[in-house]
Amino acid sequence: MNYKTLSFMLLSGLVLLNCTKKATTDDIVDSDVTTVVDNANIENVFNDVQNISDQAAKGSVLYFAPNTTVDSDKYNYSALKSSCATISHDSTSTPKTITIDFGSSNCLCNDGKNRRGQINVSYTGKYKDSLSVHSISFTDYYVNDNLVLGTKTVTNNGRNADGYLNYSIDVNGKLVKANTTDTIEWVSNRTRVWLEGESTLINWVDDVYSISGTASGVNSAGISYTAVITTPLRRALSCYYFDSGVLEITPAGKVKRVIDFGDGTCDASATVSIAGYSFPVTMN
């Protein structure tokens, strides 16, 4: 079974730095970025789960450190293996299943995150097989003591009109925040197009994807919101971040927040625009 690692990590956190106009947040009626941060955090968790699941299909759980660009010639798989997870793979059942078990106590993984509980994967075929379906669920799964609930389903739609493989990515998820009763809810419907790297099944770091679609949710303050990708997000797996694309998030009763991921440069910088004011942000 050949899998390509899918690691689409959005912002794991946003830090407000300074206004690019000569103004402060006090000059803006609505400068709250809670929804932007919460949406980024839960999307990051579910992208991370996909990454772990695809790696487990190869027999190990691998991570590369944040804030780095991966050099495919120097990438050291053995140094990045996590000793936290036990992987069980049943390739004879229908559908086939994979269980990634981090145990009942927190284990500090190589990416600096504590995990416990199980990620459960079922699949009907290889990632490149047309109409194959991969489904992910959880059993008492925690990341840094945040409880992860819900499902993620990846469906291979075959090739689009331009000849690229494309996938439907559907998430119905919830994140219960550590040490609080606050929850983040997220329902996402995306299309992922495999632009580059399909021919090199082992060397995953040359992969490039384009992502479009919509989402909705409820932030940790109980405010509902909608999100739409207005310019496709570009993700090269040699970089930890989206390097271009625009995402618009609109909390209920508030003006939209526009997140611009840049011009194609691999860096941790993005821009959030609210009511005509733009703020640089740093992705962690």
C-alpha atoms as a PDB file:
ATOM      1  CA  MET A   1       0.000   0.000   0.000  1.00  0.00           C
ATOM      2  CA  ASN A   2       1.583   3.300  -1.137  1.00  0.00           C
ATOM      3  CA  TYR A   3       0.517   6.453   0.586  1.00  0.00           C
ATOM      4  CA  LYS A   4       1.694  10.009   0.098  1.00  0.00           C
ATOM      5  CA  THR A   5       1.970  11.941   3.291  1.00  0.00           C
ATOM      6  CA  LEU A   6      -0.647  14.636   3.490  1.00  0.00           C
ATOM      7  CA  SER A   7       0.271  17.389   5.864  1.00  0.00           C
ATOM      8  CA  PHE A   8      -1.866  20.443   5.390  1.00  0.00           C
ATOM      9  CA  MET A   9      -1.338  22.531   8.445  1.00  0.00           C
ATOM     10  CA  LEU A  10      -2.951  25.893   8.676  1.00  0.00           C
ATOM     11  CA  LEU A  11      -2.093  28.360  11.415  1.00  0.00           C
ATOM     12  CA  SER A  12      -1.608  26.635  14.756  1.00  0.00           C
ATOM     13  CA  GLY A  13      -1.833  30.064  16.365  1.00  0.00           C
ATOM     14  CA  LEU A  14      -1.835  33.705  15.377  1.00  0.00           C
ATOM     15  CA  VAL A  15       0.046  36.431  17.169  1.00  0.00           C
ATOM     16  CA  LEU A  16      -1.097  39.979  16.560  1.00  0.00           C
ATOM     17  CA  LEU A  17       1.955  42.123  15.978  1.00  0.00           C
ATOM     18  CA  ASN A  18       1.297  45.671  14.748  1.00  0.00           C
ATOM     19  CA  CYS A  19      -0.984  47.533  12.392  1.00  0.00           C
ATOM     20  CA  THR A  20       0.411  48.263   8.952  1.00  0.00           C
ATOM     21  CA  LYS A  21      -1.527  51.529   8.934  1.00  0.00           C
ATOM     22  CA  LYS A  22      -0.762  54.302  11.385  1.00  0.00           C
ATOM     23  CA  ALA A  23      -3.334  53.149  13.874  1.00  0.00           C
ATOM     24  CA  THR A  24      -3.697  50.845  16.839  1.00  0.00           C
ATOM     25  CA  THR A  25      -6.327  48.249  17.630  1.00  0.00           C
ATOM     26  CA  ASP A  26      -8.058  50.914  19.739  1.00  0.00           C
ATOM     27  CA  ASP A  27      -8.857  52.741  16.493  1.00  0.00           C
ATOM     28  CA  ILE A  28     -10.781  49.753  15.170  1.00  0.00           C
ATOM     29  CA  VAL A  29     -14.270  48.971  16.380  1.00  0.00           C
ATOM     30  CA  ASP A  30     -13.851  45.254  15.723  1.00  0.00           C
ATOM     31  CA  SER A  31     -10.303  43.896  16.023  1.00  0.00           C
ATOM     32  CA  ASP A  32     -11.128  40.488  17.561  1.00  0.00           C
ATOM     33  CA  VAL A  33      -9.227  37.622  15.914  1.00  0.00           C
ATOM     34  CA  THR A  34     -10.573  34.850  18.183  1.00  0.00           C
ATOM     35  CA  THR A  35     -12.413  33.185  15.314  1.00  0.00           C
ATOM     36  CA  VAL A  36      -9.337  33.293  13.088  1.00  0.00           C
ATOM     37  CA  VAL A  37      -7.213  31.646  15.784  1.00  0.00           C
ATOM     38  CA  ASP A  38      -9.829  29.006  16.693  1.00  0.00           C
ATOM     39  CA  ASN A  39     -10.447  28.083  13.059  1.00  0.00           C
ATOM     40  CA  ALA A  40      -6.695  27.776  12.531  1.00  0.00           C
ATOM     41  CA  ASN A  41      -6.210  25.634  15.621  1.00  0.00           C
ATOM     42  CA  ILE A  42      -8.880  23.062  14.825  1.00  0.00           C
ATOM     43  CA  GLU A  43      -7.890  22.862  11.162  1.00  0.00           C
ATOM     44  CA  ASN A  44      -4.302  22.337  12.240  1.00  0.00           C
ATOM     45  CA  VAL A  45      -5.362  19.424  14.471  1.00  0.00           C
ATOM     46  CA  PHE A  46      -7.288  17.674  11.706  1.00  0.00           C
ATOM     47  CA  ASN A  47      -4.516  18.200   9.158  1.00  0.00           C
ATOM     48  CA  ASP A  48      -2.054  16.765  11.663  1.00  0.00           C
ATOM     49  CA  VAL A  49      -4.297  13.721  12.112  1.00  0.00           C
ATOM     50  CA  GLN A  50      -4.254  13.145   8.344  1.00  0.00           C
ATOM     51  CA  ASN A  51      -0.480  13.426   8.341  1.00  0.00           C
ATOM     52  CA  ILE A  52      -0.112  10.883  11.155  1.00  0.00           C
ATOM     53  CA  SER A  53      -2.575   8.477   9.508  1.00  0.00           C
ATOM     54  CA  ASP A  54      -0.785   8.509   6.168  1.00  0.00           C
ATOM     55  CA  GLN A  55       2.584   8.010   7.836  1.00  0.00           C
ATOM     56  CA  ALA A  56       1.231   5.142   9.921  1.00  0.00           C
ATOM     57  CA  ALA A  57       0.224   3.401   6.695  1.00  0.00           C
ATOM     58  CA  LYS A  58       3.951   3.203   5.960  1.00  0.00           C
ATOM     59  CA  GLY A  59       4.649   1.698   9.375  1.00  0.00           C
ATOM     60  CA  SER A  60       5.958   4.676  11.343  1.00  0.00           C
ATOM     61  CA  VAL A  61       4.927   8.094  12.591  1.00  0.00           C
ATOM     62  CA  LEU A  62       7.221  10.867  11.371  1.00  0.00           C
ATOM     63  CA  TYR A  63       7.364  14.596  11.999  1.00  0.00           C
ATOM     64  CA  PHE A  64       9.451  17.491  10.787  1.00  0.00           C
ATOM     65  CA  ALA A  65       9.985  20.468  13.032  1.00  0.00           C
ATOM     66  CA  PRO A  66       7.943  23.656  12.535  1.00  0.00           C
ATOM     67  CA  ASN A  67       9.515  26.798  11.061  1.00  0.00           C
ATOM     68  CA  THR A  68      11.622  24.773   8.647  1.00  0.00           C
ATOM     69  CA  THR A  69      11.751  23.928   4.966  1.00  0.00           C
ATOM     70  CA  VAL A  70      12.407  20.248   4.335  1.00  0.00           C
ATOM     71  CA  ASP A  71      15.321  19.317   2.060  1.00  0.00           C
ATOM     72  CA  SER A  72      14.335  16.039   0.426  1.00  0.00           C
ATOM     73  CA  ASP A  73      17.997  15.010   0.014  1.00  0.00           C
ATOM     74  CA  LYS A  74      18.724  15.452   3.710  1.00  0.00           C
ATOM     75  CA  TYR A  75      15.443  14.373   5.266  1.00  0.00           C
ATOM     76  CA  ASN A  76      16.248  11.842   7.996  1.00  0.00           C
ATOM     77  CA  TYR A  77      13.346   9.479   8.536  1.00  0.00           C
ATOM     78  CA  SER A  78      14.944   7.439  11.328  1.00  0.00           C
ATOM     79  CA  ALA A  79      15.695  10.526  13.416  1.00  0.00           C
ATOM     80  CA  LEU A  80      12.095  11.701  13.238  1.00  0.00           C
ATOM     81  CA  LYS A  81      10.276   8.533  14.240  1.00  0.00           C
ATOM     82  CA  SER A  82       8.001   8.848  17.244  1.00  0.00           C
ATOM     83  CA  SER A  83       8.354   6.143  19.894  1.00  0.00           C
ATOM     84  CA  CYS A  84       4.976   7.157  21.326  1.00  0.00           C
ATOM     85  CA  ALA A  85       2.673   5.305  18.935  1.00  0.00           C
ATOM     86  CA  THR A  86       1.866   1.622  18.487  1.00  0.00           C
ATOM     87  CA  ILE A  87       0.511   0.927  15.013  1.00  0.00           C
ATOM     88  CA  SER A  88      -1.864  -1.953  14.205  1.00  0.00           C
ATOM     89  CA  HIS A  89      -2.673  -2.574  10.526  1.00  0.00           C
ATOM     90  CA  ASP A  90      -5.366  -4.998   9.375  1.00  0.00           C
ATOM     91  CA  SER A  91      -5.062  -5.253   5.585  1.00  0.00           C
ATOM     92  CA  THR A  92      -7.393  -8.264   5.256  1.00  0.00           C
ATOM     93  CA  SER A  93     -10.598  -6.766   6.652  1.00  0.00           C
ATOM     94  CA  THR A  94     -13.185  -4.914   4.581  1.00  0.00           C
ATOM     95  CA  PRO A  95     -12.671  -2.024   4.805  1.00  0.00           C
ATOM     96  CA  LYS A  96      -9.023  -2.256   5.842  1.00  0.00           C
ATOM     97  CA  THR A  97      -8.104  -0.585   9.138  1.00  0.00           C
ATOM     98  CA  ILE A  98      -5.188   1.086  10.876  1.00  0.00           C
ATOM     99  CA  THR A  99      -5.086   1.967  14.587  1.00  0.00           C
ATOM    100  CA  ILE A 100      -2.512   4.437  15.925  1.00  0.00           C
ATOM    101  CA  ASP A 101      -2.427   4.049  19.705  1.00  0.00           C
ATOM    102  CA  PHE A 102      -0.556   6.662  21.767  1.00  0.00           C
ATOM    103  CA  GLY A 103      -1.475   4.965  25.051  1.00  0.00           C
ATOM    104  CA  SER A 104      -3.553   6.187  27.973  1.00  0.00           C
ATOM    105  CA  SER A 105      -0.978   8.674  29.314  1.00  0.00           C
ATOM    106  CA  ASN A 106       0.531  11.686  27.575  1.00  0.00           C
ATOM    107  CA  CYS A 107       3.570  10.924  25.456  1.00  0.00           C
ATOM    108  CA  LEU A 108       5.820  13.752  24.244  1.00  0.00           C
ATOM    109  CA  CYS A 109       6.218  13.233  20.512  1.00  0.00           C
ATOM    110  CA  ASN A 110       9.099  14.457  18.383  1.00  0.00           C
ATOM    111  CA  ASP A 111       7.137  17.479  17.178  1.00  0.00           C
ATOM    112  CA  GLY A 112       6.863  18.757  20.766  1.00  0.00           C
ATOM    113  CA  LYS A 113       3.200  17.816  21.247  1.00  0.00           C
ATOM    114  CA  ASN A 114       1.805  15.538  23.948  1.00  0.00           C
ATOM    115  CA  ARG A 115      -0.608  12.908  22.669  1.00  0.00           C
ATOM    116  CA  ARG A 116      -2.690  10.095  24.144  1.00  0.00           C
ATOM    117  CA  GLY A 117      -5.560   7.938  22.928  1.00  0.00           C
ATOM    118  CA  GLN A 118      -6.199   6.444  19.498  1.00  0.00           C
ATOM    119  CA  ILE A 119      -6.601   7.526  15.894  1.00  0.00           C
ATOM    120  CA  ASN A 120      -8.688   5.010  13.921  1.00  0.00           C
ATOM    121  CA  VAL A 121      -8.431   4.782  10.129  1.00  0.00           C
ATOM    122  CA  SER A 122     -10.485   2.731   7.678  1.00  0.00           C
ATOM    123  CA  TYR A 123      -9.851   2.692   3.931  1.00  0.00           C
ATOM    124  CA  THR A 124     -11.200   0.998   0.827  1.00  0.00           C
ATOM    125  CA  GLY A 125      -8.172   1.384  -1.447  1.00  0.00           C
ATOM    126  CA  LYS A 126      -4.872   3.121  -2.078  1.00  0.00           C
ATOM    127  CA  TYR A 127      -4.705   6.905  -1.979  1.00  0.00           C
ATOM    128  CA  LYS A 128      -4.250   7.067  -5.792  1.00  0.00           C
ATOM    129  CA  ASP A 129      -7.141   4.672  -6.515  1.00  0.00           C
ATOM    130  CA  SER A 130     -10.150   6.419  -8.024  1.00  0.00           C
ATOM    131  CA  LEU A 131     -13.171   6.438  -5.679  1.00  0.00           C
ATOM    132  CA  SER A 132     -11.125   5.130  -2.733  1.00  0.00           C
ATOM    133  CA  VAL A 133     -12.384   6.413   0.616  1.00  0.00           C
ATOM    134  CA  HIS A 134     -10.303   6.969   3.763  1.00  0.00           C
ATOM    135  CA  SER A 135     -12.162   7.672   7.012  1.00  0.00           C
ATOM    136  CA  ILE A 136     -10.640   8.799  10.313  1.00  0.00           C
ATOM    137  CA  SER A 137     -12.212   8.725  13.783  1.00  0.00           C
ATOM    138  CA  PHE A 138     -10.955   8.825  17.388  1.00  0.00           C
ATOM    139  CA  THR A 139     -11.021   7.024  20.712  1.00  0.00           C
ATOM    140  CA  ASP A 140     -10.205   9.267  23.688  1.00  0.00           C
ATOM    141  CA  TYR A 141      -7.669  11.129  21.539  1.00  0.00           C
ATOM    142  CA  TYR A 142      -5.974  14.199  23.074  1.00  0.00           C
ATOM    143  CA  VAL A 143      -3.363  16.632  21.739  1.00  0.00           C
ATOM    144  CA  ASN A 144      -1.773  18.797  24.436  1.00  0.00           C
ATOM    145  CA  ASP A 145      -4.751  17.798  26.619  1.00  0.00           C
ATOM    146  CA  ASN A 146      -7.241  19.099  24.033  1.00  0.00           C
ATOM    147  CA  LEU A 147      -9.869  16.428  23.302  1.00  0.00           C
ATOM    148  CA  VAL A 148     -10.383  15.741  19.575  1.00  0.00           C
ATOM    149  CA  LEU A 149     -13.823  14.511  18.452  1.00  0.00           C
ATOM    150  CA  GLY A 150     -15.475  13.892  15.102  1.00  0.00           C
ATOM    151  CA  THR A 151     -14.614  12.406  11.720  1.00  0.00           C
ATOM    152  CA  LYS A 152     -12.591  13.185   8.615  1.00  0.00           C
ATOM    153  CA  THR A 153     -13.242  11.570   5.233  1.00  0.00           C
ATOM    154  CA  VAL A 154     -11.013  11.745   2.130  1.00  0.00           C
ATOM    155  CA  THR A 155     -12.515  10.606  -1.194  1.00  0.00           C
ATOM    156  CA  ASN A 156     -10.530  10.232  -4.423  1.00  0.00           C
ATOM    157  CA  ASN A 157     -12.624  11.811  -7.192  1.00  0.00           C
ATOM    158  CA  GLY A 158     -10.316  10.739 -10.019  1.00  0.00           C
ATOM    159  CA  ARG A 159      -8.837  13.274 -12.419  1.00  0.00           C
ATOM    160  CA  ASN A 160     -10.246  16.714 -13.127  1.00  0.00           C
ATOM    161  CA  ALA A 161     -10.491  18.369 -16.543  1.00  0.00           C
ATOM    162  CA  ASP A 162      -6.819  19.399 -16.321  1.00  0.00           C
ATOM    163  CA  GLY A 163      -5.697  15.829 -15.637  1.00  0.00           C
ATOM    164  CA  TYR A 164      -4.882  16.277 -11.937  1.00  0.00           C
ATOM    165  CA  LEU A 165      -6.032  13.894  -9.209  1.00  0.00           C
ATOM    166  CA  ASN A 166      -8.472  15.643  -6.905  1.00  0.00           C
ATOM    167  CA  TYR A 167     -10.020  14.749  -3.572  1.00  0.00           C
ATOM    168  CA  SER A 168     -13.037  15.705  -1.489  1.00  0.00           C
ATOM    169  CA  ILE A 169     -12.056  16.396   2.127  1.00  0.00           C
ATOM    170  CA  ASP A 170     -14.996  16.427   4.555  1.00  0.00           C
ATOM    171  CA  VAL A 171     -14.595  17.125   8.278  1.00  0.00           C
ATOM    172  CA  ASN A 172     -17.160  17.236  11.061  1.00  0.00           C
ATOM    173  CA  GLY A 173     -15.029  17.966  14.082  1.00  0.00           C
ATOM    174  CA  LYS A 174     -14.909  19.361  17.586  1.00  0.00           C
ATOM    175  CA  LEU A 175     -12.048  20.389  19.859  1.00  0.00           C
ATOM    176  CA  VAL A 176     -12.630  20.542  23.628  1.00  0.00           C
ATOM    177  CA  LYS A 177      -9.939  22.859  24.981  1.00  0.00           C
ATOM    178  CA  ALA A 178      -7.691  21.727  27.809  1.00  0.00           C
ATOM    179  CA  ASN A 179      -8.590  22.782  31.381  1.00  0.00           C
ATOM    180  CA  THR A 180     -11.818  24.504  30.247  1.00  0.00           C
ATOM    181  CA  THR A 181     -15.276  23.660  28.995  1.00  0.00           C
ATOM    182  CA  ASP A 182     -14.723  25.769  25.863  1.00  0.00           C
ATOM    183  CA  THR A 183     -15.220  23.969  22.557  1.00  0.00           C
ATOM    184  CA  ILE A 184     -14.475  24.750  18.933  1.00  0.00           C
ATOM    185  CA  GLU A 185     -16.728  23.218  16.292  1.00  0.00           C
ATOM    186  CA  TRP A 186     -15.763  22.927  12.622  1.00  0.00           C
ATOM    187  CA  VAL A 187     -17.511  21.528   9.544  1.00  0.00           C
ATOM    188  CA  SER A 188     -15.374  21.694   6.416  1.00  0.00           C
ATOM    189  CA  ASN A 189     -15.940  20.744   2.772  1.00  0.00           C
ATOM    190  CA  ARG A 190     -12.830  21.155   0.649  1.00  0.00           C
ATOM    191  CA  THR A 191     -11.437  20.076  -2.698  1.00  0.00           C
ATOM    192  CA  ARG A 192      -7.737  19.209  -2.815  1.00  0.00           C
ATOM    193  CA  VAL A 193      -5.951  19.080  -6.180  1.00  0.00           C
ATOM    194  CA  TRP A 194      -2.608  17.256  -6.488  1.00  0.00           C
ATOM    195  CA  LEU A 195      -0.559  19.633  -8.653  1.00  0.00           C
ATOM    196  CA  GLU A 196       2.989  18.234  -8.409  1.00  0.00           C
ATOM    197  CA  GLY A 197       4.823  15.143  -7.165  1.00  0.00           C
ATOM    198  CA  GLU A 198       2.358  12.416  -8.110  1.00  0.00           C
ATOM    199  CA  SER A 199       4.984  10.415  -9.999  1.00  0.00           C
ATOM    200  CA  THR A 200       7.353  10.137  -7.011  1.00  0.00           C
ATOM    201  CA  LEU A 201       5.450   8.042  -4.489  1.00  0.00           C
ATOM    202  CA  ILE A 202       8.296   7.701  -1.999  1.00  0.00           C
ATOM    203  CA  ASN A 203       9.656  11.249  -2.107  1.00  0.00           C
ATOM    204  CA  TRP A 204       6.633  13.044  -0.647  1.00  0.00           C
ATOM    205  CA  VAL A 205       8.366  16.394  -0.068  1.00  0.00           C
ATOM    206  CA  ASP A 206       8.085  17.345  -3.757  1.00  0.00           C
ATOM    207  CA  ASP A 207       4.272  17.300  -3.527  1.00  0.00           C
ATOM    208  CA  VAL A 208       2.295  20.483  -4.152  1.00  0.00           C
ATOM    209  CA  TYR A 209      -1.458  20.832  -3.578  1.00  0.00           C
ATOM    210  CA  SER A 210      -4.134  23.426  -4.231  1.00  0.00           C
ATOM    211  CA  ILE A 211      -7.050  23.670  -1.804  1.00  0.00           C
ATOM    212  CA  SER A 212     -10.443  25.328  -2.236  1.00  0.00           C
ATOM    213  CA  GLY A 213     -13.809  25.136  -0.517  1.00  0.00           C
ATOM    214  CA  THR A 214     -15.844  26.302   2.463  1.00  0.00           C
ATOM    215  CA  ALA A 215     -16.268  25.723   6.172  1.00  0.00           C
ATOM    216  CA  SER A 216     -18.450  26.749   9.092  1.00  0.00           C
ATOM    217  CA  GLY A 217     -18.139  26.456  12.818  1.00  0.00           C
ATOM    218  CA  VAL A 218     -18.539  27.836  16.326  1.00  0.00           C
ATOM    219  CA  ASN A 219     -15.595  29.473  18.066  1.00  0.00           C
ATOM    220  CA  SER A 220     -14.601  29.047  21.716  1.00  0.00           C
ATOM    221  CA  ALA A 221     -16.702  32.079  22.675  1.00  0.00           C
ATOM    222  CA  GLY A 222     -19.834  30.425  21.256  1.00  0.00           C
ATOM    223  CA  ILE A 223     -19.975  32.633  18.138  1.00  0.00           C
ATOM    224  CA  SER A 224     -20.812  30.896  14.869  1.00  0.00           C
ATOM    225  CA  TYR A 225     -18.871  31.714  11.717  1.00  0.00           C
ATOM    226  CA  THR A 226     -18.440  30.825   8.058  1.00  0.00           C
ATOM    227  CA  ALA A 227     -15.251  30.551   6.024  1.00  0.00           C
ATOM    228  CA  VAL A 228     -14.549  30.475   2.297  1.00  0.00           C
ATOM    229  CA  ILE A 229     -11.328  30.178   0.318  1.00  0.00           C
ATOM    230  CA  THR A 230     -11.533  32.971  -2.251  1.00  0.00           C
ATOM    231  CA  THR A 231      -8.111  32.311  -3.793  1.00  0.00           C
ATOM    232  CA  PRO A 232      -6.954  28.662  -3.690  1.00  0.00           C
ATOM    233  CA  LEU A 233      -4.487  27.930  -0.919  1.00  0.00           C
ATOM    234  CA  ARG A 234      -1.186  26.523  -2.166  1.00  0.00           C
ATOM    235  CA  ARG A 235       0.644  23.982  -0.040  1.00  0.00           C
ATOM    236  CA  ALA A 236       4.070  22.600  -0.947  1.00  0.00           C
ATOM    237  CA  LEU A 237       4.947  19.788   1.453  1.00  0.00           C
ATOM    238  CA  SER A 238       8.563  21.001   1.480  1.00  0.00           C
ATOM    239  CA  CYS A 239       7.269  23.980   3.491  1.00  0.00           C
ATOM    240  CA  TYR A 240       5.479  23.931   6.844  1.00  0.00           C
ATOM    241  CA  TYR A 241       3.001  26.632   5.816  1.00  0.00           C
ATOM    242  CA  PHE A 242       0.602  27.639   3.068  1.00  0.00           C
ATOM    243  CA  ASP A 243       2.676  29.956   0.892  1.00  0.00           C
ATOM    244  CA  SER A 244      -0.159  31.711  -0.947  1.00  0.00           C
ATOM    245  CA  GLY A 245      -3.939  31.993  -1.153  1.00  0.00           C
ATOM    246  CA  VAL A 246      -6.710  33.926   0.577  1.00  0.00           C
ATOM    247  CA  LEU A 247      -9.203  32.733   3.210  1.00  0.00           C
ATOM    248  CA  GLU A 248     -12.177  34.825   4.359  1.00  0.00           C
ATOM    249  CA  ILE A 249     -13.767  34.203   7.773  1.00  0.00           C
ATOM    250  CA  THR A 250     -16.977  35.924   8.872  1.00  0.00           C
ATOM    251  CA  PRO A 251     -18.132  35.610  12.514  1.00  0.00           C
ATOM    252  CA  ALA A 252     -21.860  36.101  13.140  1.00  0.00           C
ATOM    253  CA  GLY A 253     -22.652  39.783  13.577  1.00  0.00           C
ATOM    254  CA  LYS A 254     -19.150  40.905  12.634  1.00  0.00           C
ATOM    255  CA  VAL A 255     -17.317  41.993   9.503  1.00  0.00           C
ATOM    256  CA  LYS A 256     -15.249  39.426   7.656  1.00  0.00           C
ATOM    257  CA  ARG A 257     -11.609  38.749   8.383  1.00  0.00           C
ATOM    258  CA  VAL A 258      -9.418  38.243   5.314  1.00  0.00           C
ATOM    259  CA  ILE A 259      -6.289  36.093   5.771  1.00  0.00           C
ATOM    260  CA  ASP A 260      -3.691  36.439   2.983  1.00  0.00           C
ATOM    261  CA  PHE A 261      -0.942  33.807   3.043  1.00  0.00           C
ATOM    262  CA  GLY A 262       1.454  35.679   0.782  1.00  0.00           C
ATOM    263  CA  ASP A 263       3.108  35.563  -2.628  1.00  0.00           C
ATOM    264  CA  GLY A 264       4.529  32.042  -2.719  1.00  0.00           C
ATOM    265  CA  THR A 265       7.432  32.541  -0.321  1.00  0.00           C
ATOM    266  CA  CYS A 266       7.853  29.836   2.307  1.00  0.00           C
ATOM    267  CA  ASP A 267       7.694  31.756   5.573  1.00  0.00           C
ATOM    268  CA  ALA A 268       5.644  32.090   8.751  1.00  0.00           C
ATOM    269  CA  SER A 269       4.091  35.406   7.733  1.00  0.00           C
ATOM    270  CA  ALA A 270       0.488  36.144   6.824  1.00  0.00           C
ATOM    271  CA  THR A 271      -1.798  39.160   6.944  1.00  0.00           C
ATOM    272  CA  VAL A 272      -5.225  39.564   8.546  1.00  0.00           C
ATOM    273  CA  SER A 273      -7.381  42.426   7.279  1.00  0.00           C
ATOM    274  CA  ILE A 274     -10.403  43.696   9.219  1.00  0.00           C
ATOM    275  CA  ALA A 275     -12.539  46.681   8.243  1.00  0.00           C
ATOM    276  CA  GLY A 276      -9.821  48.186   6.092  1.00  0.00           C
ATOM    277  CA  TYR A 277      -6.988  47.694   8.573  1.00  0.00           C
ATOM    278  CA  SER A 278      -4.301  45.075   7.966  1.00  0.00           C
ATOM    279  CA  PHE A 279      -2.269  43.318  10.645  1.00  0.00           C
ATOM    280  CA  PRO A 280       0.796  41.149  10.091  1.00  0.00           C
ATOM    281  CA  VAL A 281       0.604  37.831  11.912  1.00  0.00           C
ATOM    282  CA  THR A 282       3.128  35.099  12.617  1.00  0.00           C
ATOM    283  CA  MET A 283       2.219  31.428  12.300  1.00  0.00           C
ATOM    284  CA  ASN A 284       3.496  29.182  15.075  1.00  0.00           C
END
